């Protein structure tokens, strides 16, 4: 099975992410979650699972447009 990585990702970056979360204490994880939930630049919302690909596409398009405006 061949997997396709997102642009900019490689095996090293994936392993660094895995190591980061594997070494995190419960307190550190809770603190990170609290910080993310209190970020005024974003919104957390529940969507039906089948709509997740649509939301990802919209977010990706928005991110590309924001980068091109810089």
PDB file of N, CA and C in Angstrom:
ATOM      1  N   UNK A   1       0.843  -1.179   0.000  1.00  0.00           N
ATOM      2  CA  UNK A   1       0.000   0.000   0.000  1.00  0.00           C
ATOM      3  C   UNK A   1       0.888   1.243   0.000  1.00  0.00           C
ATOM      4  N   UNK A   2       0.611   2.153  -0.900  1.00  0.00           N
ATOM      5  CA  UNK A   2       1.355   3.393  -0.986  1.00  0.00           C
ATOM      6  C   UNK A   2       0.502   4.512  -0.415  1.00  0.00           C
ATOM      7  N   UNK A   3       1.103   5.305   0.474  1.00  0.00           N
ATOM      8  CA  UNK A   3       0.349   6.426   1.026  1.00  0.00           C
ATOM      9  C   UNK A   3       0.941   7.719   0.498  1.00  0.00           C
ATOM     10  N   UNK A   4       0.090   8.681   0.298  1.00  0.00           N
ATOM     11  CA  UNK A   4       0.518   9.986  -0.196  1.00  0.00           C
ATOM     12  C   UNK A   4       0.524  10.955   0.979  1.00  0.00           C
ATOM     13  N   UNK A   5       1.658  11.597   1.179  1.00  0.00           N
ATOM     14  CA  UNK A   5       1.779  12.545   2.277  1.00  0.00           C
ATOM     15  C   UNK A   5       1.353  13.932   1.819  1.00  0.00           C
ATOM     16  N   UNK A   6       0.837  14.730   2.735  1.00  0.00           N
ATOM     17  CA  UNK A   6       0.490  16.116   2.380  1.00  0.00           C
ATOM     18  C   UNK A   6       1.737  16.887   1.947  1.00  0.00           C
ATOM     19  N   UNK A   7       1.547  17.915   1.167  1.00  0.00           N
ATOM     20  CA  UNK A   7       2.645  18.755   0.720  1.00  0.00           C
ATOM     21  C   UNK A   7       3.443  19.263   1.911  1.00  0.00           C
ATOM     22  N   UNK A   8       4.751  19.144   1.832  1.00  0.00           N
ATOM     23  CA  UNK A   8       5.614  19.613   2.899  1.00  0.00           C
ATOM     24  C   UNK A   8       5.874  18.598   3.995  1.00  0.00           C
ATOM     25  N   UNK A   9       5.229  17.460   3.946  1.00  0.00           N
ATOM     26  CA  UNK A   9       5.407  16.434   4.980  1.00  0.00           C
ATOM     27  C   UNK A   9       6.316  15.335   4.448  1.00  0.00           C
ATOM     28  N   UNK A  10       7.118  14.771   5.338  1.00  0.00           N
ATOM     29  CA  UNK A  10       7.941  13.612   5.020  1.00  0.00           C
ATOM     30  C   UNK A  10       7.966  12.699   6.245  1.00  0.00           C
ATOM     31  N   UNK A  11       8.629  11.559   6.118  1.00  0.00           N
ATOM     32  CA  UNK A  11       8.655  10.595   7.221  1.00  0.00           C
ATOM     33  C   UNK A  11       9.259  11.207   8.483  1.00  0.00           C
ATOM     34  N   UNK A  12      10.269  12.058   8.341  1.00  0.00           N
ATOM     35  CA  UNK A  12      10.912  12.682   9.492  1.00  0.00           C
ATOM     36  C   UNK A  12       9.923  13.573  10.237  1.00  0.00           C
ATOM     37  N   UNK A  13       9.174  14.371   9.498  1.00  0.00           N
ATOM     38  CA  UNK A  13       8.206  15.279  10.135  1.00  0.00           C
ATOM     39  C   UNK A  13       7.116  14.478  10.842  1.00  0.00           C
ATOM     40  N   UNK A  14       6.676  13.420  10.237  1.00  0.00           N
ATOM     41  CA  UNK A  14       5.650  12.575  10.852  1.00  0.00           C
ATOM     42  C   UNK A  14       6.183  11.969  12.151  1.00  0.00           C
ATOM     43  N   UNK A  15       7.419  11.458  12.113  1.00  0.00           N
ATOM     44  CA  UNK A  15       7.995  10.848  13.317  1.00  0.00           C
ATOM     45  C   UNK A  15       8.159  11.877  14.423  1.00  0.00           C
ATOM     46  N   UNK A  16       8.544  13.115  14.069  1.00  0.00           N
ATOM     47  CA  UNK A  16       8.663  14.172  15.072  1.00  0.00           C
ATOM     48  C   UNK A  16       7.319  14.463  15.729  1.00  0.00           C
ATOM     49  N   UNK A  17       6.251  14.467  14.941  1.00  0.00           N
ATOM     50  CA  UNK A  17       4.912  14.703  15.478  1.00  0.00           C
ATOM     51  C   UNK A  17       4.485  13.557  16.403  1.00  0.00           C
ATOM     52  N   UNK A  18       4.730  12.331  15.965  1.00  0.00           N
ATOM     53  CA  UNK A  18       4.399  11.164  16.792  1.00  0.00           C
ATOM     54  C   UNK A  18       5.170  11.231  18.105  1.00  0.00           C
ATOM     55  N   UNK A  19       6.459  11.531  18.030  1.00  0.00           N
ATOM     56  CA  UNK A  19       7.283  11.611  19.244  1.00  0.00           C
ATOM     57  C   UNK A  19       6.774  12.705  20.180  1.00  0.00           C
ATOM     58  N   UNK A  20       6.389  13.841  19.617  1.00  0.00           N
ATOM     59  CA  UNK A  20       5.884  14.956  20.417  1.00  0.00           C
ATOM     60  C   UNK A  20       4.666  14.527  21.233  1.00  0.00           C
ATOM     61  N   UNK A  21       3.700  13.920  20.570  1.00  0.00           N
ATOM     62  CA  UNK A  21       2.477  13.537  21.273  1.00  0.00           C
ATOM     63  C   UNK A  21       2.680  12.322  22.176  1.00  0.00           C
ATOM     64  N   UNK A  22       3.570  11.412  21.802  1.00  0.00           N
ATOM     65  CA  UNK A  22       3.842  10.253  22.655  1.00  0.00           C
ATOM     66  C   UNK A  22       4.526  10.650  23.953  1.00  0.00           C
ATOM     67  N   UNK A  23       5.300  11.733  23.935  1.00  0.00           N
ATOM     68  CA  UNK A  23       6.035  12.128  25.133  1.00  0.00           C
ATOM     69  C   UNK A  23       5.279  13.149  25.991  1.00  0.00           C
ATOM     70  N   UNK A  24       4.116  13.578  25.526  1.00  0.00           N
ATOM     71  CA  UNK A  24       3.339  14.593  26.234  1.00  0.00           C
ATOM     72  C   UNK A  24       2.664  13.998  27.473  1.00  0.00           C
ATOM     73  N   UNK A  25       2.711  14.738  28.574  1.00  0.00           N
ATOM     74  CA  UNK A  25       1.988  14.309  29.773  1.00  0.00           C
ATOM     75  C   UNK A  25       0.502  14.635  29.598  1.00  0.00           C
ATOM     76  N   UNK A  26      -0.328  14.054  30.436  1.00  0.00           N
ATOM     77  CA  UNK A  26      -1.760  14.358  30.389  1.00  0.00           C
ATOM     78  C   UNK A  26      -2.003  15.841  30.648  1.00  0.00           C
ATOM     79  N   UNK A  27      -1.231  16.411  31.575  1.00  0.00           N
ATOM     80  CA  UNK A  27      -1.383  17.836  31.899  1.00  0.00           C
ATOM     81  C   UNK A  27      -1.008  18.717  30.705  1.00  0.00           C
ATOM     82  N   UNK A  28       0.081  18.346  30.020  1.00  0.00           N
ATOM     83  CA  UNK A  28       0.496  19.118  28.838  1.00  0.00           C
ATOM     84  C   UNK A  28      -0.547  19.026  27.729  1.00  0.00           C
ATOM     85  N   UNK A  29      -1.112  17.840  27.539  1.00  0.00           N
ATOM     86  CA  UNK A  29      -2.140  17.657  26.517  1.00  0.00           C
ATOM     87  C   UNK A  29      -3.383  18.479  26.849  1.00  0.00           C
ATOM     88  N   UNK A  30      -3.795  18.452  28.119  1.00  0.00           N
ATOM     89  CA  UNK A  30      -4.971  19.226  28.534  1.00  0.00           C
ATOM     90  C   UNK A  30      -4.726  20.715  28.343  1.00  0.00           C
ATOM     91  N   UNK A  31      -3.538  21.173  28.679  1.00  0.00           N
ATOM     92  CA  UNK A  31      -3.195  22.584  28.519  1.00  0.00           C
ATOM     93  C   UNK A  31      -3.221  22.987  27.045  1.00  0.00           C
ATOM     94  N   UNK A  32      -2.715  22.113  26.188  1.00  0.00           N
ATOM     95  CA  UNK A  32      -2.730  22.392  24.747  1.00  0.00           C
ATOM     96  C   UNK A  32      -4.160  22.469  24.217  1.00  0.00           C
ATOM     97  N   UNK A  33      -5.013  21.572  24.686  1.00  0.00           N
ATOM     98  CA  UNK A  33      -6.420  21.584  24.264  1.00  0.00           C
ATOM     99  C   UNK A  33      -7.121  22.858  24.725  1.00  0.00           C
ATOM    100  N   UNK A  34      -6.873  23.248  25.961  1.00  0.00           N
ATOM    101  CA  UNK A  34      -7.484  24.470  26.484  1.00  0.00           C
ATOM    102  C   UNK A  34      -7.045  25.693  25.689  1.00  0.00           C
ATOM    103  N   UNK A  35      -5.773  25.748  25.346  1.00  0.00           N
ATOM    104  CA  UNK A  35      -5.263  26.873  24.565  1.00  0.00           C
ATOM    105  C   UNK A  35      -5.916  26.919  23.183  1.00  0.00           C
ATOM    106  N   UNK A  36      -6.078  25.762  22.575  1.00  0.00           N
ATOM    107  CA  UNK A  36      -6.700  25.715  21.252  1.00  0.00           C
ATOM    108  C   UNK A  36      -8.161  26.158  21.317  1.00  0.00           C
ATOM    109  N   UNK A  37      -8.854  25.749  22.363  1.00  0.00           N
ATOM    110  CA  UNK A  37     -10.265  26.104  22.492  1.00  0.00           C
ATOM    111  C   UNK A  37     -10.473  27.582  22.801  1.00  0.00           C
ATOM    112  N   UNK A  38      -9.475  28.226  23.365  1.00  0.00           N
ATOM    113  CA  UNK A  38      -9.624  29.645  23.699  1.00  0.00           C
ATOM    114  C   UNK A  38      -9.051  30.568  22.627  1.00  0.00           C
ATOM    115  N   UNK A  39      -8.617  30.008  21.507  1.00  0.00           N
ATOM    116  CA  UNK A  39      -8.057  30.803  20.412  1.00  0.00           C
ATOM    117  C   UNK A  39      -9.172  31.581  19.721  1.00  0.00           C
ATOM    118  N   UNK A  40      -9.139  32.923  19.783  1.00  0.00           N
ATOM    119  CA  UNK A  40     -10.201  33.714  19.162  1.00  0.00           C
ATOM    120  C   UNK A  40     -10.151  33.709  17.624  1.00  0.00           C
ATOM    121  N   UNK A  41      -9.063  33.207  17.045  1.00  0.00           N
ATOM    122  CA  UNK A  41      -8.935  33.195  15.588  1.00  0.00           C
ATOM    123  C   UNK A  41      -9.581  31.969  14.955  1.00  0.00           C
ATOM    124  N   UNK A  42     -10.086  31.067  15.767  1.00  0.00           N
ATOM    125  CA  UNK A  42     -10.681  29.851  15.230  1.00  0.00           C
ATOM    126  C   UNK A  42     -11.964  29.494  15.934  1.00  0.00           C
ATOM    127  N   UNK A  43     -12.661  28.526  15.355  1.00  0.00           N
ATOM    128  CA  UNK A  43     -13.919  28.051  15.917  1.00  0.00           C
ATOM    129  C   UNK A  43     -13.925  26.533  15.883  1.00  0.00           C
ATOM    130  N   UNK A  44     -14.366  25.943  16.960  1.00  0.00           N
ATOM    131  CA  UNK A  44     -14.513  24.502  17.033  1.00  0.00           C
ATOM    132  C   UNK A  44     -15.987  24.193  16.837  1.00  0.00           C
ATOM    133  N   UNK A  45     -16.271  23.272  15.906  1.00  0.00           N
ATOM    134  CA  UNK A  45     -17.662  22.922  15.681  1.00  0.00           C
ATOM    135  C   UNK A  45     -17.766  21.456  15.273  1.00  0.00           C
ATOM    136  N   UNK A  46     -18.914  20.890  15.537  1.00  0.00           N
ATOM    137  CA  UNK A  46     -19.167  19.507  15.167  1.00  0.00           C
ATOM    138  C   UNK A  46     -19.873  19.490  13.822  1.00  0.00           C
ATOM    139  N   UNK A  47     -19.353  18.654  12.906  1.00  0.00           N
ATOM    140  CA  UNK A  47     -19.987  18.500  11.593  1.00  0.00           C
ATOM    141  C   UNK A  47     -20.150  17.001  11.322  1.00  0.00           C
ATOM    142  N   UNK A  48     -21.118  16.649  10.510  1.00  0.00           N
ATOM    143  CA  UNK A  48     -21.268  15.242  10.157  1.00  0.00           C
ATOM    144  C   UNK A  48     -19.996  14.724   9.472  1.00  0.00           C
ATOM    145  N   UNK A  49     -19.585  13.518   9.810  1.00  0.00           N
ATOM    146  CA  UNK A  49     -18.349  12.943   9.290  1.00  0.00           C
ATOM    147  C   UNK A  49     -18.286  12.983   7.766  1.00  0.00           C
ATOM    148  N   UNK A  50     -19.386  12.734   7.123  1.00  0.00           N
ATOM    149  CA  UNK A  50     -19.361  12.707   5.649  1.00  0.00           C
ATOM    150  C   UNK A  50     -19.096  14.081   5.041  1.00  0.00           C
ATOM    151  N   UNK A  51     -19.245  15.149   5.830  1.00  0.00           N
ATOM    152  CA  UNK A  51     -18.970  16.497   5.325  1.00  0.00           C
ATOM    153  C   UNK A  51     -17.536  16.969   5.596  1.00  0.00           C
ATOM    154  N   UNK A  52     -16.770  16.194   6.365  1.00  0.00           N
ATOM    155  CA  UNK A  52     -15.401  16.603   6.690  1.00  0.00           C
ATOM    156  C   UNK A  52     -14.564  16.870   5.438  1.00  0.00           C
ATOM    157  N   UNK A  53     -14.613  16.027   4.392  1.00  0.00           N
ATOM    158  CA  UNK A  53     -13.816  16.334   3.197  1.00  0.00           C
ATOM    159  C   UNK A  53     -14.191  17.677   2.554  1.00  0.00           C
ATOM    160  N   UNK A  54     -15.455  18.038   2.602  1.00  0.00           N
ATOM    161  CA  UNK A  54     -15.904  19.314   2.040  1.00  0.00           C
ATOM    162  C   UNK A  54     -15.307  20.466   2.840  1.00  0.00           C
ATOM    163  N   UNK A  55     -15.347  20.369   4.156  1.00  0.00           N
ATOM    164  CA  UNK A  55     -14.776  21.421   5.005  1.00  0.00           C
ATOM    165  C   UNK A  55     -13.272  21.529   4.796  1.00  0.00           C
ATOM    166  N   UNK A  56     -12.594  20.391   4.674  1.00  0.00           N
ATOM    167  CA  UNK A  56     -11.143  20.415   4.440  1.00  0.00           C
ATOM    168  C   UNK A  56     -10.826  21.128   3.130  1.00  0.00           C
ATOM    169  N   UNK A  57     -11.595  20.868   2.109  1.00  0.00           N
ATOM    170  CA  UNK A  57     -11.392  21.518   0.814  1.00  0.00           C
ATOM    171  C   UNK A  57     -11.577  23.030   0.929  1.00  0.00           C
ATOM    172  N   UNK A  58     -12.618  23.454   1.601  1.00  0.00           N
ATOM    173  CA  UNK A  58     -12.879  24.885   1.788  1.00  0.00           C
ATOM    174  C   UNK A  58     -11.743  25.542   2.571  1.00  0.00           C
ATOM    175  N   UNK A  59     -11.285  24.885   3.617  1.00  0.00           N
ATOM    176  CA  UNK A  59     -10.190  25.433   4.427  1.00  0.00           C
ATOM    177  C   UNK A  59      -8.910  25.511   3.598  1.00  0.00           C
ATOM    178  N   UNK A  60      -8.628  24.486   2.806  1.00  0.00           N
ATOM    179  CA  UNK A  60      -7.432  24.495   1.961  1.00  0.00           C
ATOM    180  C   UNK A  60      -7.492  25.642   0.954  1.00  0.00           C
ATOM    181  N   UNK A  61      -8.639  25.842   0.334  1.00  0.00           N
ATOM    182  CA  UNK A  61      -8.794  26.946  -0.620  1.00  0.00           C
ATOM    183  C   UNK A  61      -8.601  28.287   0.077  1.00  0.00           C
ATOM    184  N   UNK A  62      -9.167  28.429   1.240  1.00  0.00           N
ATOM    185  CA  UNK A  62      -9.027  29.679   2.014  1.00  0.00           C
ATOM    186  C   UNK A  62      -7.553  29.931   2.357  1.00  0.00           C
ATOM    187  N   UNK A  63      -6.852  28.877   2.771  1.00  0.00           N
ATOM    188  CA  UNK A  63      -5.443  29.020   3.125  1.00  0.00           C
ATOM    189  C   UNK A  63      -4.615  29.438   1.918  1.00  0.00           C
ATOM    190  N   UNK A  64      -4.880  28.851   0.758  1.00  0.00           N
ATOM    191  CA  UNK A  64      -4.168  29.234  -0.460  1.00  0.00           C
ATOM    192  C   UNK A  64      -4.424  30.682  -0.835  1.00  0.00           C
ATOM    193  N   UNK A  65      -5.678  31.105  -0.725  1.00  0.00           N
ATOM    194  CA  UNK A  65      -6.029  32.485  -1.043  1.00  0.00           C
ATOM    195  C   UNK A  65      -5.354  33.455  -0.068  1.00  0.00           C
ATOM    196  N   UNK A  66      -5.316  33.097   1.195  1.00  0.00           N
ATOM    197  CA  UNK A  66      -4.675  33.960   2.193  1.00  0.00           C
ATOM    198  C   UNK A  66      -3.191  34.086   1.920  1.00  0.00           C
ATOM    199  N   UNK A  67      -2.546  32.996   1.538  1.00  0.00           N
ATOM    200  CA  UNK A  67      -1.115  33.039   1.214  1.00  0.00           C
ATOM    201  C   UNK A  67      -0.832  33.876  -0.014  1.00  0.00           C
ATOM    202  N   UNK A  68      -1.719  33.803  -0.998  1.00  0.00           N
ATOM    203  CA  UNK A  68      -1.490  34.543  -2.231  1.00  0.00           C
ATOM    204  C   UNK A  68      -1.693  36.047  -2.044  1.00  0.00           C
ATOM    205  N   UNK A  69      -2.435  36.446  -0.998  1.00  0.00           N
ATOM    206  CA  UNK A  69      -2.650  37.872  -0.719  1.00  0.00           C
ATOM    207  C   UNK A  69      -1.455  38.498  -0.017  1.00  0.00           C
ATOM    208  N   UNK A  70      -0.574  37.670   0.535  1.00  0.00           N
ATOM    209  CA  UNK A  70       0.580  38.201   1.282  1.00  0.00           C
ATOM    210  C   UNK A  70       1.660  38.704   0.369  1.00  0.00           C
TER     211      UNK A  70
END
